[in-house]
């Protein structure tokens, strides 16, 4: 399962959004995630992936694919 799919599952679990309706390139707002729910998503991501997401991600990352790319970078940078 790639990072986009993992994030779709997480969004489904956290916010009851059908994963089949999530377009990875659409803005979070298109599936009714505002900045507060994106912040909640980031906390869930940090718990699930054991990384620290930069605070500015709440306002600078606007799509699921962008979040996945940032997350892949953070995971790759983690010490082994």
N, C-alpha and C. Protein backbone atom coordinates (compact mmCIF):
# COMPACT_ATOMS: atom_id res chain seq x y z
N UNK A 1 0.86 -1.18 0.00
CA UNK A 1 0.00 0.00 0.00
C UNK A 1 0.90 1.24 0.00
N UNK A 2 0.69 2.14 -0.96
CA UNK A 2 1.53 3.34 -1.01
C UNK A 2 1.01 4.39 -0.02
N UNK A 3 1.75 5.46 0.10
CA UNK A 3 1.44 6.49 1.09
C UNK A 3 0.09 7.15 0.83
N UNK A 4 -0.25 7.39 -0.42
CA UNK A 4 -1.55 8.00 -0.74
C UNK A 4 -2.67 7.10 -0.24
N UNK A 5 -2.56 5.80 -0.49
CA UNK A 5 -3.60 4.88 -0.03
C UNK A 5 -3.66 4.81 1.50
N UNK A 6 -2.51 4.86 2.15
CA UNK A 6 -2.50 4.87 3.61
C UNK A 6 -3.19 6.12 4.15
N UNK A 7 -2.95 7.25 3.49
CA UNK A 7 -3.59 8.49 3.92
C UNK A 7 -5.09 8.47 3.65
N UNK A 8 -5.50 7.88 2.54
CA UNK A 8 -6.94 7.74 2.27
C UNK A 8 -7.61 6.92 3.37
N UNK A 9 -6.97 5.85 3.78
CA UNK A 9 -7.51 5.02 4.85
C UNK A 9 -7.58 5.80 6.15
N UNK A 10 -6.56 6.57 6.43
CA UNK A 10 -6.53 7.39 7.65
C UNK A 10 -7.65 8.44 7.63
N UNK A 11 -7.86 9.08 6.49
CA UNK A 11 -8.94 10.07 6.37
C UNK A 11 -10.29 9.39 6.55
N UNK A 12 -10.43 8.22 6.00
CA UNK A 12 -11.68 7.47 6.18
C UNK A 12 -11.92 7.17 7.66
N UNK A 13 -10.89 6.69 8.34
CA UNK A 13 -11.03 6.33 9.75
C UNK A 13 -11.28 7.56 10.64
N UNK A 14 -10.61 8.66 10.34
CA UNK A 14 -10.71 9.86 11.18
C UNK A 14 -11.96 10.68 10.91
N UNK A 15 -12.36 10.78 9.63
CA UNK A 15 -13.40 11.73 9.25
C UNK A 15 -14.56 11.09 8.48
N UNK A 16 -14.58 9.77 8.39
CA UNK A 16 -15.65 9.03 7.74
C UNK A 16 -15.89 9.49 6.29
N UNK A 17 -14.80 9.72 5.58
CA UNK A 17 -14.86 10.06 4.16
C UNK A 17 -14.59 8.78 3.38
N UNK A 18 -15.46 8.46 2.42
CA UNK A 18 -15.29 7.26 1.61
C UNK A 18 -13.99 7.37 0.81
N UNK A 19 -13.04 6.43 1.00
CA UNK A 19 -11.76 6.51 0.28
C UNK A 19 -11.92 6.55 -1.24
N UNK A 20 -12.97 5.92 -1.75
CA UNK A 20 -13.19 5.91 -3.20
C UNK A 20 -13.51 7.29 -3.75
N UNK A 21 -13.96 8.20 -2.90
CA UNK A 21 -14.31 9.55 -3.35
C UNK A 21 -13.16 10.54 -3.23
N UNK A 22 -12.04 10.09 -2.70
CA UNK A 22 -10.92 11.00 -2.46
C UNK A 22 -10.02 11.05 -3.68
N UNK A 23 -9.88 12.23 -4.25
CA UNK A 23 -8.96 12.48 -5.36
C UNK A 23 -7.68 13.04 -4.76
N UNK A 24 -6.59 12.34 -4.93
CA UNK A 24 -5.32 12.73 -4.30
C UNK A 24 -4.83 14.10 -4.74
N UNK A 25 -5.31 14.57 -5.90
CA UNK A 25 -4.85 15.87 -6.40
C UNK A 25 -5.85 17.00 -6.15
N UNK A 26 -6.97 16.69 -5.54
CA UNK A 26 -7.97 17.72 -5.23
C UNK A 26 -7.63 18.37 -3.90
N UNK A 27 -8.00 19.63 -3.72
CA UNK A 27 -7.75 20.29 -2.44
C UNK A 27 -8.52 19.59 -1.32
N UNK A 28 -7.94 19.62 -0.11
CA UNK A 28 -8.60 19.01 1.04
C UNK A 28 -10.03 19.53 1.20
N UNK A 29 -10.25 20.79 0.90
CA UNK A 29 -11.58 21.39 1.06
C UNK A 29 -12.63 20.69 0.19
N UNK A 30 -12.22 20.06 -0.89
CA UNK A 30 -13.20 19.41 -1.77
C UNK A 30 -13.84 18.20 -1.12
N UNK A 31 -13.21 17.64 -0.09
CA UNK A 31 -13.87 16.60 0.68
C UNK A 31 -14.09 17.03 2.11
N UNK A 32 -14.36 18.34 2.21
CA UNK A 32 -14.82 18.98 3.44
C UNK A 32 -13.84 18.90 4.61
N UNK A 33 -12.54 19.00 4.31
CA UNK A 33 -11.54 19.10 5.36
C UNK A 33 -11.04 20.53 5.39
N UNK A 34 -11.33 21.24 6.48
CA UNK A 34 -10.85 22.60 6.63
C UNK A 34 -9.51 22.58 7.36
N UNK A 35 -8.98 23.75 7.68
CA UNK A 35 -7.65 23.81 8.30
C UNK A 35 -7.62 23.11 9.66
N UNK A 36 -8.73 23.16 10.39
CA UNK A 36 -8.78 22.49 11.70
C UNK A 36 -8.74 20.97 11.53
N UNK A 37 -9.51 20.44 10.59
CA UNK A 37 -9.50 19.00 10.39
C UNK A 37 -8.19 18.54 9.76
N UNK A 38 -7.57 19.39 8.94
CA UNK A 38 -6.24 19.05 8.40
C UNK A 38 -5.23 18.99 9.55
N UNK A 39 -5.35 19.89 10.51
CA UNK A 39 -4.47 19.84 11.69
C UNK A 39 -4.68 18.53 12.45
N UNK A 40 -5.94 18.12 12.60
CA UNK A 40 -6.24 16.84 13.25
C UNK A 40 -5.65 15.68 12.45
N UNK A 41 -5.75 15.77 11.13
CA UNK A 41 -5.16 14.75 10.27
C UNK A 41 -3.65 14.67 10.48
N UNK A 42 -3.02 15.81 10.59
CA UNK A 42 -1.56 15.83 10.79
C UNK A 42 -1.19 15.17 12.11
N UNK A 43 -1.96 15.40 13.16
CA UNK A 43 -1.69 14.71 14.43
C UNK A 43 -1.81 13.20 14.25
N UNK A 44 -2.82 12.76 13.52
CA UNK A 44 -3.00 11.32 13.27
C UNK A 44 -1.85 10.77 12.44
N UNK A 45 -1.38 11.55 11.46
CA UNK A 45 -0.24 11.14 10.64
C UNK A 45 0.99 10.98 11.51
N UNK A 46 1.22 11.95 12.39
CA UNK A 46 2.38 11.87 13.27
C UNK A 46 2.33 10.62 14.14
N UNK A 47 1.16 10.30 14.65
CA UNK A 47 1.00 9.10 15.48
C UNK A 47 1.21 7.83 14.66
N UNK A 48 0.65 7.80 13.47
CA UNK A 48 0.73 6.59 12.63
C UNK A 48 2.11 6.35 12.03
N UNK A 49 2.75 7.42 11.59
CA UNK A 49 4.02 7.27 10.87
C UNK A 49 5.24 7.59 11.73
N UNK A 50 5.01 8.01 12.97
CA UNK A 50 6.10 8.31 13.91
C UNK A 50 7.08 9.34 13.34
N UNK A 51 6.51 10.44 12.85
CA UNK A 51 7.29 11.56 12.34
C UNK A 51 6.73 12.85 12.94
N UNK A 52 7.49 13.91 12.81
CA UNK A 52 7.01 15.23 13.21
C UNK A 52 6.79 16.05 11.95
N UNK A 53 5.55 16.43 11.73
CA UNK A 53 5.19 17.21 10.54
C UNK A 53 5.37 18.69 10.89
N UNK A 54 6.06 19.46 10.03
CA UNK A 54 6.23 20.89 10.29
C UNK A 54 4.89 21.61 10.43
N UNK A 55 4.81 22.56 11.35
CA UNK A 55 3.57 23.30 11.60
C UNK A 55 3.02 23.97 10.35
N UNK A 56 3.88 24.46 9.50
CA UNK A 56 3.42 25.19 8.32
C UNK A 56 2.72 24.28 7.31
N UNK A 57 2.81 22.98 7.47
CA UNK A 57 2.15 22.05 6.55
C UNK A 57 0.64 22.24 6.56
N UNK A 58 0.08 22.71 7.68
CA UNK A 58 -1.37 22.92 7.76
C UNK A 58 -1.83 23.91 6.70
N UNK A 59 -1.00 24.89 6.40
CA UNK A 59 -1.40 25.91 5.43
C UNK A 59 -0.72 25.76 4.07
N UNK A 60 0.39 25.04 4.00
CA UNK A 60 1.11 24.97 2.73
C UNK A 60 0.82 23.71 1.93
N UNK A 61 0.41 22.64 2.58
CA UNK A 61 0.10 21.40 1.88
C UNK A 61 -1.41 21.35 1.70
N UNK A 62 -1.87 21.36 0.46
CA UNK A 62 -3.30 21.49 0.21
C UNK A 62 -3.95 20.28 -0.42
N UNK A 63 -3.14 19.27 -0.80
CA UNK A 63 -3.69 18.07 -1.41
C UNK A 63 -3.14 16.82 -0.72
N UNK A 64 -3.83 15.74 -0.90
CA UNK A 64 -3.39 14.47 -0.34
C UNK A 64 -2.06 14.03 -0.95
N UNK A 65 -1.91 14.23 -2.24
CA UNK A 65 -0.64 13.85 -2.89
C UNK A 65 0.51 14.69 -2.33
N UNK A 66 0.27 15.97 -2.11
CA UNK A 66 1.30 16.82 -1.51
C UNK A 66 1.65 16.35 -0.11
N UNK A 67 0.64 15.95 0.66
CA UNK A 67 0.87 15.44 2.00
C UNK A 67 1.67 14.14 1.94
N UNK A 68 1.34 13.27 0.99
CA UNK A 68 2.05 12.00 0.84
C UNK A 68 3.51 12.23 0.47
N UNK A 69 3.76 13.18 -0.43
CA UNK A 69 5.14 13.48 -0.83
C UNK A 69 5.94 14.02 0.35
N UNK A 70 5.33 14.92 1.12
CA UNK A 70 6.01 15.45 2.30
C UNK A 70 6.28 14.33 3.30
N UNK A 71 5.30 13.48 3.50
CA UNK A 71 5.43 12.37 4.44
C UNK A 71 6.53 11.40 4.00
N UNK A 72 6.57 11.09 2.72
CA UNK A 72 7.63 10.21 2.20
C UNK A 72 9.01 10.80 2.47
N UNK A 73 9.14 12.11 2.31
CA UNK A 73 10.40 12.80 2.59
C UNK A 73 10.75 12.72 4.08
N UNK A 74 9.77 12.94 4.94
CA UNK A 74 10.01 12.88 6.39
C UNK A 74 10.40 11.48 6.84
N UNK A 75 9.72 10.47 6.29
CA UNK A 75 10.01 9.09 6.67
C UNK A 75 11.41 8.69 6.19
N UNK A 76 11.77 9.11 4.98
CA UNK A 76 13.08 8.79 4.43
C UNK A 76 14.20 9.45 5.23
N UNK A 77 13.92 10.60 5.84
CA UNK A 77 14.93 11.34 6.60
C UNK A 77 15.10 10.83 8.02
N UNK A 78 14.18 9.95 8.46
CA UNK A 78 14.27 9.43 9.83
C UNK A 78 15.51 8.56 9.97
N UNK A 79 16.18 8.68 11.11
CA UNK A 79 17.31 7.80 11.34
C UNK A 79 16.85 6.34 11.44
N UNK A 80 17.69 5.46 10.99
CA UNK A 80 17.33 4.02 10.98
C UNK A 80 17.22 3.42 12.35
